[in-house]
Amino acid sequence: MKTVFIKPAEVERKWFVIDADGKILGRVAAKAASIVRGKEKAIFAPHQEVGDYVVVVNAGKIAVSGRKAQQKIYYRHSGYVGGLKEIPYAKAAERHPTFPLEAAIKGMLPKGPLGRKLLKNVKVYSGPEHPHAAQNPQLIEVQ
């Protein structure tokens, strides 16, 4: 079996828009990660960037199921002893409305240089407006 290498010039990249208003956080993140990764294309290669661009609007109006709004906690560490910081979902979403969705998408992408490169192809906006109208993005429906 041979490893397939796709030339970057041969990859046709499209733009998609996802309206997250009232949609479940995990479902939107999973759809966006799948499109950005290129898993929905016939030329998918797990070691290459063959995916499309995704613009997510209305991220500030995204919904979470169950009691996640009260119970979910985001953690980060400063690197110092006792430097563990805990931020509840409600406070994180209030300060930065796009953070929960960006964190969910980041967690669904591969770790390392490829994942960091793919994350740049995701644009998340808290309101309905976005500056990518010139790319003529197609609307994608998420359940």
Protein backbone atom coordinates (compact mmCIF):
# COMPACT_ATOMS: atom_id res chain seq x y z
CA MET A 1 0.00 0.00 0.00
CA LYS A 2 1.35 3.40 -0.95
CA THR A 3 0.98 6.66 0.91
CA VAL A 4 -0.96 9.15 -1.17
CA PHE A 5 0.37 12.70 -1.35
CA ILE A 6 -1.91 15.36 -2.77
CA LYS A 7 -0.29 18.48 -4.17
CA PRO A 8 -1.59 21.63 -2.45
CA ALA A 9 -2.33 23.19 -5.86
CA GLU A 10 -4.69 20.30 -6.71
CA VAL A 11 -6.85 20.80 -3.62
CA GLU A 12 -10.04 22.77 -4.29
CA ARG A 13 -10.86 24.69 -1.11
CA LYS A 14 -14.41 25.95 -0.53
CA TRP A 15 -15.91 28.23 2.13
CA PHE A 16 -18.84 27.21 4.33
CA VAL A 17 -20.97 29.10 6.85
CA ILE A 18 -22.58 27.51 9.90
CA ASP A 19 -25.23 29.44 11.81
CA ALA A 20 -24.86 28.35 15.46
CA ASP A 21 -27.95 30.20 16.75
CA GLY A 22 -29.71 27.77 19.12
CA LYS A 23 -27.65 24.78 17.95
CA ILE A 24 -25.89 22.34 20.30
CA LEU A 25 -22.22 23.19 20.91
CA GLY A 26 -20.80 19.71 20.29
CA ARG A 27 -22.72 19.11 17.07
CA VAL A 28 -21.58 22.41 15.56
CA ALA A 29 -17.98 21.78 16.64
CA ALA A 30 -17.98 18.23 15.23
CA LYS A 31 -19.35 19.39 11.86
CA ALA A 32 -16.86 22.27 11.64
CA ALA A 33 -13.91 20.04 12.59
CA SER A 34 -14.92 17.42 10.02
CA ILE A 35 -15.15 20.00 7.21
CA VAL A 36 -11.87 21.71 8.16
CA ARG A 37 -10.09 18.36 8.37
CA GLY A 38 -11.36 17.37 4.90
CA LYS A 39 -13.02 14.13 6.02
CA GLU A 40 -15.99 14.74 3.74
CA LYS A 41 -13.83 14.74 0.61
CA ALA A 42 -12.80 11.77 -1.51
CA ILE A 43 -9.16 12.93 -1.45
CA PHE A 44 -8.91 12.90 2.36
CA ALA A 45 -5.42 12.25 3.70
CA PRO A 46 -4.93 12.28 7.48
CA HIS A 47 -1.46 13.79 7.25
CA GLN A 48 -2.28 16.69 4.89
CA GLU A 49 -4.33 19.86 4.87
CA VAL A 50 -7.04 19.10 2.29
CA GLY A 51 -10.08 20.56 4.09
CA ASP A 52 -12.21 23.61 3.50
CA TYR A 53 -12.71 26.88 5.35
CA VAL A 54 -15.51 27.24 7.90
CA VAL A 55 -17.09 30.46 9.16
CA VAL A 56 -19.29 30.08 12.25
CA VAL A 57 -21.67 32.96 13.02
CA ASN A 58 -23.86 33.59 16.08
CA ALA A 59 -21.46 31.67 18.34
CA GLY A 60 -22.66 33.79 21.25
CA LYS A 61 -26.14 32.22 20.95
CA ILE A 62 -24.96 28.60 20.98
CA ALA A 63 -26.74 26.14 23.28
CA VAL A 64 -25.36 23.47 25.58
CA SER A 65 -27.35 20.42 26.59
CA GLY A 66 -28.03 19.18 30.10
CA ARG A 67 -26.47 21.04 33.03
CA LYS A 68 -23.22 21.92 31.26
CA ALA A 69 -23.92 25.65 31.60
CA GLN A 70 -23.61 25.27 35.39
CA GLN A 71 -21.19 22.33 35.66
CA LYS A 72 -18.63 22.56 32.83
CA ILE A 73 -15.26 23.99 33.82
CA TYR A 74 -12.34 24.97 31.60
CA TYR A 75 -8.87 24.46 33.07
CA ARG A 76 -5.52 26.07 32.30
CA HIS A 77 -2.21 26.00 34.13
CA SER A 78 0.36 28.76 34.43
CA GLY A 79 3.25 26.34 34.86
CA TYR A 80 3.93 27.41 38.42
CA VAL A 81 3.14 25.45 41.58
CA GLY A 82 -0.51 26.02 42.47
CA GLY A 83 -1.09 27.71 39.12
CA LEU A 84 -4.21 25.78 38.07
CA LYS A 85 -6.96 28.17 36.96
CA GLU A 86 -10.60 27.11 36.70
CA ILE A 87 -13.11 29.06 34.60
CA PRO A 88 -16.77 27.98 34.62
CA TYR A 89 -18.58 27.78 31.27
CA ALA A 90 -20.97 30.62 32.11
CA LYS A 91 -18.16 33.05 32.96
CA ALA A 92 -16.06 32.03 29.93
CA ALA A 93 -19.04 32.44 27.57
CA GLU A 94 -19.89 35.81 29.10
CA ARG A 95 -16.34 37.20 28.74
CA HIS A 96 -15.54 35.72 25.33
CA PRO A 97 -18.66 34.41 23.55
CA THR A 98 -16.60 32.56 20.93
CA PHE A 99 -14.27 30.75 23.37
CA PRO A 100 -16.37 27.62 24.13
CA LEU A 101 -16.87 26.83 20.44
CA GLU A 102 -13.24 27.53 19.56
CA ALA A 103 -12.07 25.28 22.41
CA ALA A 104 -14.42 22.48 21.33
CA ILE A 105 -13.25 22.63 17.70
CA LYS A 106 -9.59 22.76 18.79
CA GLY A 107 -10.09 19.64 20.89
CA MET A 108 -11.52 17.76 17.90
CA LEU A 109 -8.58 18.53 15.61
CA PRO A 110 -5.27 16.64 15.61
CA LYS A 111 -2.64 17.77 18.07
CA GLY A 112 0.61 19.20 16.70
CA PRO A 113 1.58 21.35 13.72
CA LEU A 114 -1.20 20.08 11.42
CA GLY A 115 -3.90 20.79 14.00
CA ARG A 116 -2.61 24.32 14.60
CA LYS A 117 -2.59 24.93 10.85
CA LEU A 118 -6.13 23.60 10.45
CA LEU A 119 -7.42 25.76 13.32
CA LYS A 120 -6.50 28.85 11.28
CA ASN A 121 -9.10 27.77 8.70
CA VAL A 122 -11.92 28.20 11.24
CA LYS A 123 -13.36 31.68 11.72
CA VAL A 124 -15.75 32.12 14.66
CA TYR A 125 -17.87 35.26 15.19
CA SER A 126 -20.24 35.96 18.08
CA GLY A 127 -22.74 37.92 15.95
CA PRO A 128 -24.43 37.36 12.59
CA GLU A 129 -21.95 39.51 10.61
CA HIS A 130 -18.69 38.23 9.11
CA PRO A 131 -16.15 39.78 6.71
CA HIS A 132 -15.94 36.75 4.39
CA ALA A 133 -18.86 37.51 2.06
CA ALA A 134 -16.48 37.91 -0.92
CA GLN A 135 -15.68 34.17 -0.76
CA ASN A 136 -19.37 33.30 -1.38
CA PRO A 137 -19.63 30.75 1.44
CA GLN A 138 -22.29 28.04 1.28
CA LEU A 139 -24.66 27.64 4.23
CA ILE A 140 -24.38 24.31 6.06
CA GLU A 141 -27.23 23.07 8.28
CA VAL A 142 -26.38 21.39 11.58
CA GLN A 143 -29.03 19.50 13.52
